[in-house]
Amino acid sequence: MVGPTTVLLSPLLGSTITLTAEDGPVSWSISESASLVGALTVSPSSGTLSAGQSVQVTISESGLASLDTQLTVNPGGQQVTVVLALL
């Protein structure tokens, strides 16, 4: 499970999403499109969770990201939309 599926990314504060393993252990990873490489930092970007365990993933801007972009969380190919806040 991924939550939330849309995040508002503040250039100063970043943002977070939470991944939770349901129905058993899972190895996970987050990928960004080629156009985003170097524009966003995702930490951690992969790992393994036991059933019921969660991890908080931090997303921060490290370059010039577009206003709306997507990250892909696997397994499952779930999309997380990242909206850049112009604050």
C-alpha atoms as a PDB file:
ATOM      1  CA  MET A   1       0.000   0.000   0.000  1.00  0.00           C
ATOM      2  CA  VAL A   2       1.246   3.485  -0.883  1.00  0.00           C
ATOM      3  CA  GLY A   3      -0.044   6.621   0.769  1.00  0.00           C
ATOM      4  CA  PRO A   4      -0.684   9.260  -0.215  1.00  0.00           C
ATOM      5  CA  THR A   5      -0.785   8.827  -3.996  1.00  0.00           C
ATOM      6  CA  THR A   6      -0.432  12.567  -4.608  1.00  0.00           C
ATOM      7  CA  VAL A   7       2.117  14.647  -2.694  1.00  0.00           C
ATOM      8  CA  LEU A   8       2.818  18.367  -2.634  1.00  0.00           C
ATOM      9  CA  LEU A   9       6.588  18.861  -2.801  1.00  0.00           C
ATOM     10  CA  SER A  10       7.876  21.958  -1.070  1.00  0.00           C
ATOM     11  CA  PRO A  11      11.307  23.000  -2.398  1.00  0.00           C
ATOM     12  CA  LEU A  12      12.389  23.863   1.164  1.00  0.00           C
ATOM     13  CA  LEU A  13      10.741  21.065   3.146  1.00  0.00           C
ATOM     14  CA  GLY A  14      10.385  18.164   0.709  1.00  0.00           C
ATOM     15  CA  SER A  15       7.614  15.628   1.207  1.00  0.00           C
ATOM     16  CA  THR A  16       7.067  12.039   2.331  1.00  0.00           C
ATOM     17  CA  ILE A  17       5.090   8.971   1.365  1.00  0.00           C
ATOM     18  CA  THR A  18       4.521   5.851   3.437  1.00  0.00           C
ATOM     19  CA  LEU A  19       4.818   2.330   2.050  1.00  0.00           C
ATOM     20  CA  THR A  20       3.209  -0.553   3.975  1.00  0.00           C
ATOM     21  CA  ALA A  21       3.591  -4.278   3.277  1.00  0.00           C
ATOM     22  CA  GLU A  22       0.207  -6.018   3.246  1.00  0.00           C
ATOM     23  CA  ASP A  23      -0.404  -9.770   3.115  1.00  0.00           C
ATOM     24  CA  GLY A  24       3.266 -10.721   3.513  1.00  0.00           C
ATOM     25  CA  PRO A  25       6.811  -9.489   3.032  1.00  0.00           C
ATOM     26  CA  VAL A  26       7.712  -7.400  -0.002  1.00  0.00           C
ATOM     27  CA  SER A  27      10.842  -6.088  -1.673  1.00  0.00           C
ATOM     28  CA  TRP A  28      10.097  -2.637  -3.063  1.00  0.00           C
ATOM     29  CA  SER A  29      11.673   0.065  -5.202  1.00  0.00           C
ATOM     30  CA  ILE A  30      10.765   3.528  -6.475  1.00  0.00           C
ATOM     31  CA  SER A  31      11.765   4.656  -9.941  1.00  0.00           C
ATOM     32  CA  GLU A  32      11.585   7.998 -11.651  1.00  0.00           C
ATOM     33  CA  SER A  33      11.285   8.779 -15.320  1.00  0.00           C
ATOM     34  CA  ALA A  34      14.482   9.522 -17.250  1.00  0.00           C
ATOM     35  CA  SER A  35      13.545  13.199 -17.381  1.00  0.00           C
ATOM     36  CA  LEU A  36      13.603  13.365 -13.556  1.00  0.00           C
ATOM     37  CA  VAL A  37      17.014  11.808 -12.950  1.00  0.00           C
ATOM     38  CA  GLY A  38      18.940  14.365 -10.942  1.00  0.00           C
ATOM     39  CA  ALA A  39      15.850  16.532 -10.323  1.00  0.00           C
ATOM     40  CA  LEU A  40      14.445  14.561  -7.364  1.00  0.00           C
ATOM     41  CA  THR A  41      16.052  12.689  -4.509  1.00  0.00           C
ATOM     42  CA  VAL A  42      14.116   9.699  -3.144  1.00  0.00           C
ATOM     43  CA  SER A  43      15.423   8.198   0.104  1.00  0.00           C
ATOM     44  CA  PRO A  44      15.367   5.325   0.649  1.00  0.00           C
ATOM     45  CA  SER A  45      14.614   4.286  -2.929  1.00  0.00           C
ATOM     46  CA  SER A  46      14.342   0.538  -2.270  1.00  0.00           C
ATOM     47  CA  GLY A  47      14.193  -1.995   0.506  1.00  0.00           C
ATOM     48  CA  THR A  48      12.418  -4.979   2.010  1.00  0.00           C
ATOM     49  CA  LEU A  49       9.463  -4.874   4.402  1.00  0.00           C
ATOM     50  CA  SER A  50       8.055  -7.645   6.598  1.00  0.00           C
ATOM     51  CA  ALA A  51       4.295  -8.169   6.638  1.00  0.00           C
ATOM     52  CA  GLY A  52       2.628  -5.175   8.299  1.00  0.00           C
ATOM     53  CA  GLN A  53       5.841  -3.147   8.392  1.00  0.00           C
ATOM     54  CA  SER A  54       5.967   0.408   7.008  1.00  0.00           C
ATOM     55  CA  VAL A  55       8.675   2.748   5.803  1.00  0.00           C
ATOM     56  CA  GLN A  56       8.577   6.499   5.320  1.00  0.00           C
ATOM     57  CA  VAL A  57      10.165   7.647   2.050  1.00  0.00           C
ATOM     58  CA  THR A  58      11.424  11.220   1.748  1.00  0.00           C
ATOM     59  CA  ILE A  59      11.185  13.033  -1.587  1.00  0.00           C
ATOM     60  CA  SER A  60      13.149  16.230  -2.079  1.00  0.00           C
ATOM     61  CA  GLU A  61      13.950  18.508  -4.978  1.00  0.00           C
ATOM     62  CA  SER A  62      17.585  18.433  -6.054  1.00  0.00           C
ATOM     63  CA  GLY A  63      17.264  20.135  -9.435  1.00  0.00           C
ATOM     64  CA  LEU A  64      14.692  21.661 -11.709  1.00  0.00           C
ATOM     65  CA  ALA A  65      11.668  19.372 -11.566  1.00  0.00           C
ATOM     66  CA  SER A  66       8.541  19.992 -13.610  1.00  0.00           C
ATOM     67  CA  LEU A  67       5.343  21.037 -11.867  1.00  0.00           C
ATOM     68  CA  ASP A  68       3.630  17.636 -12.092  1.00  0.00           C
ATOM     69  CA  THR A  69       5.576  14.412 -12.326  1.00  0.00           C
ATOM     70  CA  GLN A  70       5.163  10.767 -11.397  1.00  0.00           C
ATOM     71  CA  LEU A  71       7.193   8.211  -9.514  1.00  0.00           C
ATOM     72  CA  THR A  72       6.509   4.496  -9.889  1.00  0.00           C
ATOM     73  CA  VAL A  73       6.438   2.240  -6.813  1.00  0.00           C
ATOM     74  CA  ASN A  74       7.048  -1.461  -7.448  1.00  0.00           C
ATOM     75  CA  PRO A  75       5.898  -4.140  -7.073  1.00  0.00           C
ATOM     76  CA  GLY A  76       2.518  -3.281  -8.472  1.00  0.00           C
ATOM     77  CA  GLY A  77       3.485  -0.311 -10.617  1.00  0.00           C
ATOM     78  CA  GLN A  78       1.593   2.100  -8.361  1.00  0.00           C
ATOM     79  CA  GLN A  79       1.937   5.729  -9.407  1.00  0.00           C
ATOM     80  CA  VAL A  80       2.627   8.601  -7.014  1.00  0.00           C
ATOM     81  CA  THR A  81       2.025  12.061  -8.465  1.00  0.00           C
ATOM     82  CA  VAL A  82       4.460  14.694  -7.200  1.00  0.00           C
ATOM     83  CA  VAL A  83       3.231  18.279  -7.519  1.00  0.00           C
ATOM     84  CA  LEU A  84       5.888  20.961  -7.044  1.00  0.00           C
ATOM     85  CA  ALA A  85       4.714  23.719  -4.706  1.00  0.00           C
ATOM     86  CA  LEU A  86       5.734  27.201  -5.785  1.00  0.00           C
ATOM     87  CA  LEU A  87       6.139  28.683  -2.305  1.00  0.00           C
END
